[in-house]
Amino acid sequence: MAASASAPPTPSSLKRIVAASLIGTTIEWYDFFLYGSAAALVFNKLFFPDSDPLVGTLLSFLTYAVGFAARPIGALVFGHFGDRVGRKKLLVLSLLMMGGATFAIGLMPTHATIGTAAPVLLTVLRLIQGFALGGEWGGAVLLVSEHGDAERRGFWASWPQTGAPAGQLLATGVLSALTALLSDAAFTSWGWRIPFLLSGVLVLVGLWIRLSVDESPVFKAALAQAEQRKSAEAATEKTPIVSVLRHHWRDVLVAMGARMAENISYYVITAFILVYATTAAEVSKQTALNAVLIGSAVHFAVIPVWGALSDRIGRRPVYLIGAVGVGAWMFPFFTLIDTASFGNMLLAVTVGLVLHGAMYAPQAAFFSEMFATRMRYSGASIGAQFASVAAGAPAPLIATALLADYDSSTPIALYVIASALITVVAIVCARETRQRDLADVGAEPDSGKVPTPRQADPAPVRTPRA
C-alpha cells in the first residue's frame, strides 16, 4: 500500500493540484494582507478616530494581531479533522470562512455609524480570518507535498508558498490602484471597501478549482491502514495532537523556532514599512505601496528557485541563508528607507523579501517531512501557527511601539536580528529531511530509536534518517 501511495501523479494532475493549492493560498493571503494594509492606512481613522494618529495605528494593528491569536486554534481544529477525514474537505471550509469574513468587513459600518460596536465587530471578523488561515496553510502545503516525489518536493511544495507574495501583490496592487485613482477623502469614505468586496468573487474561483482535485494518495493509504489496525486490535486511534506531542515534540519546537525570523521579518518588511515610510521617512502612501508591490512580484518569482535549490543542497542550508541574510540586512534596510528615495526603498524591500524567500520556500517541504502522515496536518500546522502568535502577530505592533518610544529604527532592526538568531539556533538543531519518502515516515520518538509496533502511531514503519 505504501508503494502505491508513493506513486507519483501524472504531470497534468500534479499541476492541477499545485494550482488548486496556489489559488486557495493566494486568496486567503490576499484577505489576510488586505486587512494589514488597511490597518496601516485607514482603519485608525475609521474605527479609532478619537485617538492620536500613531496611537490609532497601534490600536488598528492590535486588531490585526488578534487574527494571529486565532491561528493556533484553527491549527488545532483543522489539523485534528484534517488528519482524521482528509486535507481537501478542510481546505474548502477554510476558504469559505476566510472569504466570508473578508466580504463582511467590506460591508461593515464604521465608528461614525455605530460607535464602539464597530471595532468590536471588526475584531470578531478578524478572529474568523485568523482561525481560517490557521487551518489553510498546513492543508495546502500537504496536499502538494503528499502528491509529489522526494526528488522535487521542495520545488513543488514551494508553489503554495508563493500564495503569500501573490496575495500581498494582489492586495497591494488593488490598494495602490485605488489610492492612485481616488482622492484621500473618497478612499477613506468608501474606496477602501472595494478590495474587501472583491474577495467574494475570488472565493468562487478558488472553490471551483479546489473542488476539482482529489485527496492525497498518501493520506488515503494511511487512513486505510489505520482503519485496518483499529479493526484488528479493536482499539481507538490516538488523537493526532496527542501523537504529535508524544512523538514529535522536538520537531514542533524546531518548526516554531524556524518561524521566528521568517514571520517577524516579513511583517516588518511588508506591513510596518507602510507606517515607517509615511511617518519617519515622510514619503507618500503611494510610494510605499509601490515599493511593496514590486518587491512582492520579485518575491513570488524567487520562491520556487529557492525551493528547487533546497532539493539540491538540503532544506537546512537554504533556510540558514535566509535567516542570516535577513538579520544582516536590517540596518541597511532602514538606512535605505530613511533616504526617502523610491529606488532605495525598492532595493531595501526587494532584497529583504528575496532573503525572506530563502526561509519561506523550503518551509513547506521541511515541515511536511518532519511528521508522520496521520499526524502531519496537526504537527505542521501547530508548529507553524503557534509560532505566529509570538512572531508575526505582535511584529507590526512592537515595531510601531518601538518607533513611538525611541523615534529611531535601531531598536526595530535589533528586534529582527534577535529573531534571526533564534531561527539560526533552531535550524542548527534540526535534522535534514530532504529525500524522505512521506509514505514511509512514521512516528519517531525523539530518542532516535526506531518505533516498535506498540509505539508507532498509526503504523510501525521505519523512518529514514537524514
Protein backbone atom coordinates (compact mmCIF):
# COMPACT_ATOMS: atom_id res chain seq x y z
CA MET A 1 0.00 0.00 0.00
CA ALA A 2 2.85 2.34 0.76
CA ALA A 3 4.20 1.80 -2.65
CA SER A 4 1.03 2.77 -4.32
CA ALA A 5 0.73 5.77 -2.14
CA SER A 6 4.15 6.82 -3.18
CA ALA A 7 3.46 6.52 -6.91
CA PRO A 8 3.91 9.95 -8.45
CA PRO A 9 0.91 11.57 -10.10
CA THR A 10 0.91 12.46 -13.77
CA PRO A 11 2.41 15.87 -14.64
CA SER A 12 -1.00 17.27 -15.56
CA SER A 13 -2.64 16.12 -12.33
CA LEU A 14 0.25 17.45 -10.23
CA LYS A 15 -0.02 20.83 -11.92
CA ARG A 16 -3.76 20.88 -11.20
CA ILE A 17 -3.09 20.06 -7.55
CA VAL A 18 -0.46 22.81 -7.35
CA ALA A 19 -2.89 25.25 -8.98
CA ALA A 20 -5.64 24.34 -6.51
CA SER A 21 -3.34 24.91 -3.53
CA LEU A 22 -1.88 28.10 -5.00
CA ILE A 23 -5.21 29.74 -5.84
CA GLY A 24 -6.53 28.95 -2.38
CA THR A 25 -3.49 30.26 -0.51
CA THR A 26 -3.39 33.35 -2.74
CA ILE A 27 -6.98 34.22 -1.89
CA GLU A 28 -6.53 33.51 1.81
CA TRP A 29 -3.37 35.61 2.00
CA TYR A 30 -4.99 38.35 -0.11
CA ASP A 31 -7.72 38.56 2.52
CA PHE A 32 -5.25 38.47 5.40
CA PHE A 33 -2.79 41.01 3.98
CA LEU A 34 -5.55 43.30 2.80
CA TYR A 35 -6.53 43.74 6.42
CA GLY A 36 -2.93 44.51 7.40
CA SER A 37 -2.55 47.17 4.72
CA ALA A 38 -5.92 48.71 5.58
CA ALA A 39 -4.95 48.72 9.26
CA ALA A 40 -1.85 50.73 8.42
CA LEU A 41 -3.62 53.14 6.06
CA VAL A 42 -7.23 53.83 7.08
CA PHE A 43 -8.55 51.73 9.96
CA ASN A 44 -7.05 54.07 12.55
CA LYS A 45 -9.27 56.86 11.19
CA LEU A 46 -12.39 54.76 10.61
CA PHE A 47 -12.52 52.71 13.79
CA PHE A 48 -10.37 54.67 16.29
CA PRO A 49 -11.00 58.31 15.30
CA ASP A 50 -10.67 59.74 18.81
CA SER A 51 -7.05 58.61 19.24
CA ASP A 52 -3.77 60.26 18.36
CA PRO A 53 -2.82 59.14 14.81
CA LEU A 54 0.08 56.92 15.93
CA VAL A 55 -1.97 55.55 18.85
CA GLY A 56 -4.82 54.88 16.43
CA THR A 57 -2.40 52.95 14.23
CA LEU A 58 -1.30 50.94 17.26
CA LEU A 59 -4.92 50.11 18.06
CA SER A 60 -5.67 49.09 14.47
CA PHE A 61 -2.56 46.88 14.47
CA LEU A 62 -3.85 45.38 17.72
CA THR A 63 -7.00 44.21 15.92
CA TYR A 64 -4.63 42.94 13.22
CA ALA A 65 -2.74 40.95 15.85
CA VAL A 66 -5.81 39.21 17.29
CA GLY A 67 -6.17 37.37 13.99
CA PHE A 68 -2.89 35.66 14.81
CA ALA A 69 -4.23 34.66 18.23
CA ALA A 70 -6.93 32.61 16.48
CA ARG A 71 -4.47 30.89 14.15
CA PRO A 72 -3.25 28.27 16.69
CA ILE A 73 -6.87 27.40 17.47
CA GLY A 74 -7.52 26.99 13.77
CA ALA A 75 -4.38 24.86 13.50
CA LEU A 76 -5.60 22.55 16.28
CA VAL A 77 -9.15 22.19 14.94
CA PHE A 78 -8.30 21.94 11.24
CA GLY A 79 -5.25 19.78 11.96
CA HIS A 80 -7.30 17.32 14.02
CA PHE A 81 -10.04 16.89 11.43
CA GLY A 82 -7.62 17.15 8.51
CA ASP A 83 -5.71 14.17 9.90
CA ARG A 84 -8.97 12.29 10.51
CA VAL A 85 -11.11 12.98 7.41
CA GLY A 86 -8.67 14.41 4.86
CA ARG A 87 -6.99 17.58 3.63
CA LYS A 88 -9.39 18.56 0.83
CA LYS A 89 -12.62 18.98 2.84
CA LEU A 90 -10.95 21.20 5.41
CA LEU A 91 -9.33 23.35 2.72
CA VAL A 92 -12.75 24.07 1.19
CA LEU A 93 -14.09 25.07 4.61
CA SER A 94 -11.14 27.35 5.37
CA LEU A 95 -11.57 29.15 2.04
CA LEU A 96 -15.29 29.76 2.69
CA MET A 97 -14.64 31.08 6.21
CA MET A 98 -11.87 33.43 5.18
CA GLY A 99 -13.70 34.77 2.13
CA GLY A 100 -16.94 35.25 4.04
CA ALA A 101 -15.27 37.20 6.84
CA THR A 102 -13.38 39.42 4.40
CA PHE A 103 -16.52 40.16 2.37
CA ALA A 104 -18.32 41.08 5.60
CA ILE A 105 -15.57 43.58 6.52
CA GLY A 106 -16.30 45.35 3.25
CA LEU A 107 -19.92 45.84 4.36
CA MET A 108 -19.14 46.92 7.92
CA PRO A 109 -20.38 50.18 9.43
CA THR A 110 -17.62 52.35 10.92
CA HIS A 111 -17.21 54.09 14.27
CA ALA A 112 -19.05 57.14 12.93
CA THR A 113 -22.16 54.99 12.38
CA ILE A 114 -22.36 52.54 15.30
CA GLY A 115 -19.71 53.81 17.72
CA THR A 116 -17.62 51.37 19.77
CA ALA A 117 -19.52 48.38 18.35
CA ALA A 118 -17.60 48.90 15.09
CA PRO A 119 -14.11 47.95 16.37
CA VAL A 120 -15.67 45.07 18.34
CA LEU A 121 -17.31 43.67 15.20
CA LEU A 122 -14.11 44.24 13.26
CA THR A 123 -12.20 42.21 15.85
CA VAL A 124 -14.68 39.31 15.63
CA LEU A 125 -14.32 39.14 11.85
CA ARG A 126 -10.55 39.31 12.23
CA LEU A 127 -10.68 36.33 14.59
CA ILE A 128 -12.60 34.34 11.96
CA GLN A 129 -9.94 35.25 9.38
CA GLY A 130 -7.17 34.06 11.69
CA PHE A 131 -8.98 30.83 12.56
CA ALA A 132 -9.41 30.00 8.87
CA LEU A 133 -5.83 30.85 7.94
CA GLY A 134 -4.56 28.71 10.82
CA GLY A 135 -6.04 25.69 9.06
CA GLU A 136 -5.35 26.72 5.47
CA TRP A 137 -1.56 26.69 5.36
CA GLY A 138 -0.97 23.16 6.60
CA GLY A 139 -3.57 21.58 4.34
CA ALA A 140 -2.46 23.45 1.23
CA VAL A 141 1.22 22.54 1.51
CA LEU A 142 0.47 18.94 2.48
CA LEU A 143 -1.83 18.43 -0.49
CA VAL A 144 1.11 19.21 -2.79
CA SER A 145 3.83 17.58 -0.69
CA GLU A 146 1.97 14.29 -0.40
CA HIS A 147 1.22 14.10 -4.13
CA GLY A 148 4.78 14.73 -5.26
CA ASP A 149 8.00 12.75 -5.03
CA ALA A 150 11.01 13.35 -2.81
CA GLU A 151 13.32 14.41 -5.66
CA ARG A 152 11.46 17.66 -6.45
CA ARG A 153 9.28 18.09 -3.37
CA GLY A 154 10.99 21.30 -2.33
CA PHE A 155 10.21 22.87 -5.71
CA TRP A 156 6.59 21.75 -5.98
CA ALA A 157 5.75 22.40 -2.33
CA SER A 158 7.16 25.92 -2.62
CA TRP A 159 4.39 26.90 -5.05
CA PRO A 160 1.66 27.13 -2.38
CA GLN A 161 4.14 29.34 -0.52
CA THR A 162 4.03 31.78 -3.43
CA GLY A 163 0.42 32.37 -2.43
CA ALA A 164 1.72 34.73 0.26
CA PRO A 165 3.51 37.15 -2.10
CA ALA A 166 0.78 36.63 -4.70
CA GLY A 167 -1.84 37.59 -2.13
CA GLN A 168 0.32 40.50 -1.00
CA LEU A 169 0.80 41.52 -4.62
CA LEU A 170 -2.92 41.36 -5.31
CA ALA A 171 -3.91 43.20 -2.13
CA THR A 172 -1.25 45.88 -2.51
CA GLY A 173 -1.96 46.24 -6.23
CA VAL A 174 -5.67 46.82 -5.67
CA LEU A 175 -4.99 49.31 -2.87
CA SER A 176 -2.31 51.06 -4.90
CA ALA A 177 -4.67 51.43 -7.88
CA LEU A 178 -7.45 52.78 -5.69
CA THR A 179 -5.21 55.29 -3.91
CA ALA A 180 -3.95 56.47 -7.32
CA LEU A 181 -7.45 56.82 -8.81
CA LEU A 182 -9.32 58.16 -5.79
CA SER A 183 -8.78 61.19 -3.62
CA ASP A 184 -7.83 60.57 0.02
CA ALA A 185 -11.35 61.58 1.08
CA ALA A 186 -13.03 59.18 -1.37
CA PHE A 187 -10.72 56.31 -0.47
CA THR A 188 -11.30 56.83 3.26
CA SER A 189 -15.05 57.22 2.77
CA TRP A 190 -15.87 54.22 0.54
CA GLY A 191 -12.95 53.22 -1.68
CA TRP A 192 -11.32 51.02 0.98
CA ARG A 193 -14.37 48.70 0.85
CA ILE A 194 -13.86 47.65 -2.78
CA PRO A 195 -10.91 45.25 -2.30
CA PHE A 196 -12.72 43.55 0.59
CA LEU A 197 -15.85 43.02 -1.51
CA LEU A 198 -13.76 41.65 -4.39
CA SER A 199 -12.90 38.73 -2.14
CA GLY A 200 -16.35 37.24 -2.79
CA VAL A 201 -15.57 36.84 -6.49
CA LEU A 202 -12.14 35.38 -5.79
CA VAL A 203 -13.58 32.79 -3.40
CA LEU A 204 -15.95 31.46 -6.07
CA VAL A 205 -13.00 30.99 -8.45
CA GLY A 206 -10.97 29.31 -5.73
CA LEU A 207 -13.76 26.90 -4.81
CA TRP A 208 -14.26 25.89 -8.44
CA ILE A 209 -10.59 24.93 -8.77
CA ARG A 210 -10.15 23.43 -5.31
CA LEU A 211 -13.19 21.13 -5.60
CA SER A 212 -11.72 19.61 -8.78
CA VAL A 213 -8.75 17.89 -7.08
CA ASP A 214 -8.62 14.55 -5.29
CA GLU A 215 -7.44 13.67 -1.80
CA SER A 216 -3.75 12.87 -1.33
CA PRO A 217 -2.95 9.16 -2.04
CA VAL A 218 -0.51 9.10 0.89
CA PHE A 219 -3.31 10.12 3.24
CA LYS A 220 -5.75 7.63 1.71
CA ALA A 221 -3.26 4.80 2.26
CA ALA A 222 -2.54 5.87 5.84
CA LEU A 223 -6.26 6.16 6.60
CA ALA A 224 -6.97 2.68 5.22
CA GLN A 225 -4.06 1.27 7.21
CA ALA A 226 -5.31 2.92 10.39
CA GLU A 227 -8.81 1.54 9.86
CA GLN A 228 -7.42 -1.96 9.38
CA ARG A 229 -5.38 -1.62 12.53
CA LYS A 230 -8.35 -0.43 14.54
CA SER A 231 -10.45 -3.34 13.32
CA ALA A 232 -7.71 -5.87 14.09
CA GLU A 233 -6.93 -4.54 17.57
CA ALA A 234 -10.39 -3.22 18.45
CA ALA A 235 -8.60 -0.14 19.72
CA THR A 236 -9.31 3.55 19.50
CA GLU A 237 -6.80 5.56 17.47
CA LYS A 238 -4.99 8.26 19.40
CA THR A 239 -5.93 11.87 18.78
CA PRO A 240 -3.42 13.39 16.30
CA ILE A 241 -2.40 16.17 18.70
CA VAL A 242 -1.56 13.58 21.38
CA SER A 243 0.60 11.65 18.92
CA VAL A 244 2.34 14.84 17.80
CA LEU A 245 3.23 15.87 21.35
CA ARG A 246 4.33 12.33 22.21
CA HIS A 247 6.49 11.54 19.19
CA HIS A 248 7.30 14.90 17.56
CA TRP A 249 7.58 17.50 20.33
CA ARG A 250 11.18 18.23 19.28
CA ASP A 251 10.10 18.84 15.68
CA VAL A 252 7.31 21.17 16.84
CA LEU A 253 9.85 23.26 18.75
CA VAL A 254 12.19 23.34 15.74
CA ALA A 255 9.34 24.47 13.48
CA MET A 256 8.36 27.21 15.94
CA GLY A 257 11.93 28.46 16.16
CA ALA A 258 12.32 28.34 12.39
CA ARG A 259 9.26 30.54 12.00
CA MET A 260 10.50 33.39 14.21
CA ALA A 261 12.77 35.25 11.77
CA GLU A 262 10.66 34.30 8.75
CA ASN A 263 7.43 35.61 10.28
CA ILE A 264 8.76 38.73 12.03
CA SER A 265 10.89 39.93 9.13
CA TYR A 266 8.05 39.51 6.65
CA TYR A 267 5.58 41.68 8.55
CA VAL A 268 8.20 44.32 9.28
CA ILE A 269 9.17 44.48 5.60
CA THR A 270 5.63 44.46 4.16
CA ALA A 271 3.25 45.84 6.83
CA PHE A 272 5.27 48.03 9.19
CA ILE A 273 7.05 49.73 6.28
CA LEU A 274 3.75 51.42 5.40
CA VAL A 275 3.87 53.11 8.80
CA TYR A 276 7.60 53.81 8.93
CA ALA A 277 7.92 55.14 5.39
CA THR A 278 4.95 57.50 5.71
CA THR A 279 5.88 58.83 9.17
CA ALA A 280 9.64 58.62 9.77
CA ALA A 281 10.73 58.86 6.13
CA GLU A 282 7.79 61.13 5.18
CA VAL A 283 7.05 59.58 1.81
CA SER A 284 3.58 59.14 0.32
CA LYS A 285 1.40 56.08 0.82
CA GLN A 286 1.54 55.51 -2.92
CA THR A 287 5.35 55.38 -2.93
CA ALA A 288 5.46 52.86 -0.08
CA LEU A 289 2.73 50.70 -1.64
CA ASN A 290 4.53 50.66 -5.00
CA ALA A 291 7.77 49.52 -3.38
CA VAL A 292 5.96 46.64 -1.64
CA LEU A 293 4.11 45.86 -4.85
CA ILE A 294 7.25 45.43 -6.97
CA GLY A 295 9.13 43.69 -4.17
CA SER A 296 6.28 41.17 -3.82
CA ALA A 297 6.49 40.37 -7.55
CA VAL A 298 10.19 39.55 -7.19
CA HIS A 299 9.42 37.58 -4.02
CA PHE A 300 6.89 35.49 -5.96
CA ALA A 301 9.47 34.71 -8.65
CA VAL A 302 12.33 33.66 -6.35
CA ILE A 303 10.42 31.33 -4.02
CA PRO A 304 10.33 28.38 -6.48
CA VAL A 305 14.03 28.99 -7.19
CA TRP A 306 14.89 28.70 -3.51
CA GLY A 307 12.60 25.64 -3.28
CA ALA A 308 14.44 23.94 -6.16
CA LEU A 309 17.79 24.76 -4.53
CA SER A 310 16.63 23.07 -1.33
CA ASP A 311 16.10 19.90 -3.38
CA ARG A 312 19.77 20.03 -4.39
CA ILE A 313 21.61 21.10 -1.23
CA GLY A 314 19.03 20.48 1.51
CA ARG A 315 16.38 22.38 3.44
CA ARG A 316 18.65 23.49 6.27
CA PRO A 317 21.38 25.25 4.24
CA VAL A 318 18.85 27.28 2.24
CA TYR A 319 16.93 28.19 5.40
CA LEU A 320 20.15 29.34 7.08
CA ILE A 321 21.00 31.58 4.10
CA GLY A 322 17.68 33.35 4.61
CA ALA A 323 17.91 33.69 8.40
CA VAL A 324 21.46 35.02 8.42
CA GLY A 325 20.78 37.23 5.41
CA VAL A 326 17.67 38.87 6.88
CA GLY A 327 19.47 39.61 10.13
CA ALA A 328 22.40 41.16 8.31
CA TRP A 329 20.12 43.24 6.04
CA MET A 330 18.09 45.04 8.71
CA PHE A 331 20.37 48.03 9.31
CA PRO A 332 20.90 48.65 5.57
CA PHE A 333 17.14 48.17 5.11
CA PHE A 334 16.21 51.11 7.33
CA THR A 335 19.14 53.23 6.16
CA LEU A 336 17.90 52.97 2.58
CA ILE A 337 14.32 53.83 3.54
CA ASP A 338 15.50 56.88 5.50
CA THR A 339 16.79 58.40 2.26
CA ALA A 340 13.14 58.80 1.13
CA SER A 341 14.24 57.74 -2.36
CA PHE A 342 11.90 55.36 -4.17
CA GLY A 343 14.81 53.50 -5.77
CA ASN A 344 16.48 52.94 -2.41
CA MET A 345 13.19 51.94 -0.80
CA LEU A 346 12.55 49.46 -3.59
CA LEU A 347 16.04 47.99 -3.14
CA ALA A 348 15.50 47.68 0.61
CA VAL A 349 12.18 45.86 0.26
CA THR A 350 13.22 43.64 -2.65
CA VAL A 351 16.46 42.37 -1.09
CA GLY A 352 14.65 41.80 2.20
CA LEU A 353 11.94 39.74 0.51
CA VAL A 354 14.44 37.73 -1.57
CA LEU A 355 16.24 36.74 1.63
CA HIS A 356 12.93 36.02 3.32
CA GLY A 357 12.10 33.70 0.42
CA ALA A 358 15.11 31.55 1.28
CA MET A 359 13.35 30.71 4.56
CA TYR A 360 9.81 30.59 3.26
CA ALA A 361 10.41 28.43 0.16
CA PRO A 362 11.79 25.25 1.82
CA GLN A 363 9.50 25.64 4.83
CA ALA A 364 6.57 23.74 3.27
CA ALA A 365 8.57 20.62 2.39
CA PHE A 366 10.72 20.90 5.52
CA PHE A 367 7.78 20.94 7.94
CA SER A 368 5.84 18.29 5.99
CA GLU A 369 8.81 15.91 6.12
CA MET A 370 9.10 16.20 9.90
CA PHE A 371 5.83 14.43 10.72
CA ALA A 372 4.07 11.09 10.14
CA THR A 373 1.13 11.03 7.71
CA ARG A 374 -1.67 10.61 10.23
CA MET A 375 -0.39 13.47 12.38
CA ARG A 376 1.23 15.60 9.66
CA TYR A 377 -1.58 18.17 9.30
CA SER A 378 -1.64 18.69 13.07
CA GLY A 379 2.13 18.75 13.51
CA ALA A 380 2.95 21.10 10.64
CA SER A 381 0.05 23.43 11.48
CA ILE A 382 0.78 23.56 15.20
CA GLY A 383 4.49 24.23 14.68
CA ALA A 384 3.80 26.97 12.15
CA GLN A 385 0.79 28.68 13.69
CA PHE A 386 1.71 28.65 17.38
CA ALA A 387 4.91 30.45 16.46
CA SER A 388 2.91 33.12 14.65
CA VAL A 389 1.39 34.28 17.97
CA ALA A 390 4.83 35.25 19.26
CA ALA A 391 6.28 36.24 15.88
CA GLY A 392 4.05 37.75 13.20
CA ALA A 393 1.17 38.77 15.45
CA PRO A 394 2.94 41.39 17.53
CA ALA A 395 5.63 42.30 14.95
CA PRO A 396 3.98 45.43 13.47
CA LEU A 397 2.68 46.35 16.93
CA ILE A 398 6.12 46.03 18.57
CA ALA A 399 7.83 47.83 15.70
CA THR A 400 5.33 50.70 15.87
CA ALA A 401 5.69 50.94 19.66
CA LEU A 402 9.50 50.98 19.39
CA LEU A 403 9.28 53.75 16.81
CA ALA A 404 6.96 55.75 19.05
CA ASP A 405 9.19 55.32 22.12
CA TYR A 406 12.65 55.77 20.58
CA ASP A 407 11.95 57.66 17.34
CA SER A 408 14.64 55.50 15.75
CA SER A 409 14.86 52.41 13.57
CA THR A 410 17.77 50.92 15.57
CA PRO A 411 15.63 49.09 18.17
CA ILE A 412 13.46 47.71 15.37
CA ALA A 413 16.49 46.38 13.49
CA LEU A 414 17.80 44.76 16.70
CA TYR A 415 14.39 43.18 17.25
CA VAL A 416 14.53 41.47 13.84
CA ILE A 417 18.18 40.46 14.35
CA ALA A 418 17.25 38.78 17.67
CA SER A 419 14.56 36.76 15.89
CA ALA A 420 17.11 35.74 13.25
CA LEU A 421 19.42 34.38 15.95
CA ILE A 422 16.58 32.26 17.36
CA THR A 423 15.90 30.82 13.91
CA VAL A 424 19.57 30.06 13.28
CA VAL A 425 19.73 28.08 16.55
CA ALA A 426 16.55 26.17 15.65
CA ILE A 427 17.81 25.22 12.18
CA VAL A 428 21.23 24.19 13.50
CA CYS A 429 19.43 21.86 15.94
CA ALA A 430 17.17 20.44 13.21
CA ARG A 431 17.75 17.28 11.21
CA GLU A 432 17.94 17.38 7.43
CA THR A 433 14.75 15.94 5.90
CA ARG A 434 15.49 16.07 2.17
CA GLN A 435 14.82 12.82 0.26
CA ARG A 436 12.39 11.40 2.83
CA ASP A 437 9.52 9.38 1.39
CA LEU A 438 6.40 10.76 3.07
CA ALA A 439 4.66 7.41 2.74
CA ASP A 440 7.39 5.85 4.89
CA VAL A 441 7.70 8.49 7.59
CA GLY A 442 6.24 7.00 10.76
CA ALA A 443 6.04 8.33 14.28
CA GLU A 444 9.56 8.59 15.59
CA PRO A 445 10.26 9.23 19.27
CA ASP A 446 12.92 11.79 19.94
CA SER A 447 15.20 9.21 21.48
CA GLY A 448 16.22 8.32 17.94
CA LYS A 449 15.09 4.68 18.25
CA VAL A 450 13.02 3.06 15.55
CA PRO A 451 9.45 2.79 16.91
CA THR A 452 8.17 -0.60 17.90
CA PRO A 453 4.76 -1.76 16.70
CA ARG A 454 3.24 -0.71 20.02
CA GLN A 455 4.82 2.76 19.95
CA ALA A 456 4.15 3.64 16.33
CA ASP A 457 1.16 5.74 15.53
CA PRO A 458 -0.54 4.88 13.27
CA ALA A 459 1.71 2.21 11.74
CA PRO A 460 5.08 0.66 12.64
CA VAL A 461 7.13 1.85 9.70
CA ARG A 462 10.84 2.69 9.75
CA THR A 463 11.74 6.37 9.40
CA PRO A 464 14.73 7.06 7.13
CA ARG A 465 17.30 9.13 8.98
CA ALA A 466 18.68 12.22 7.28
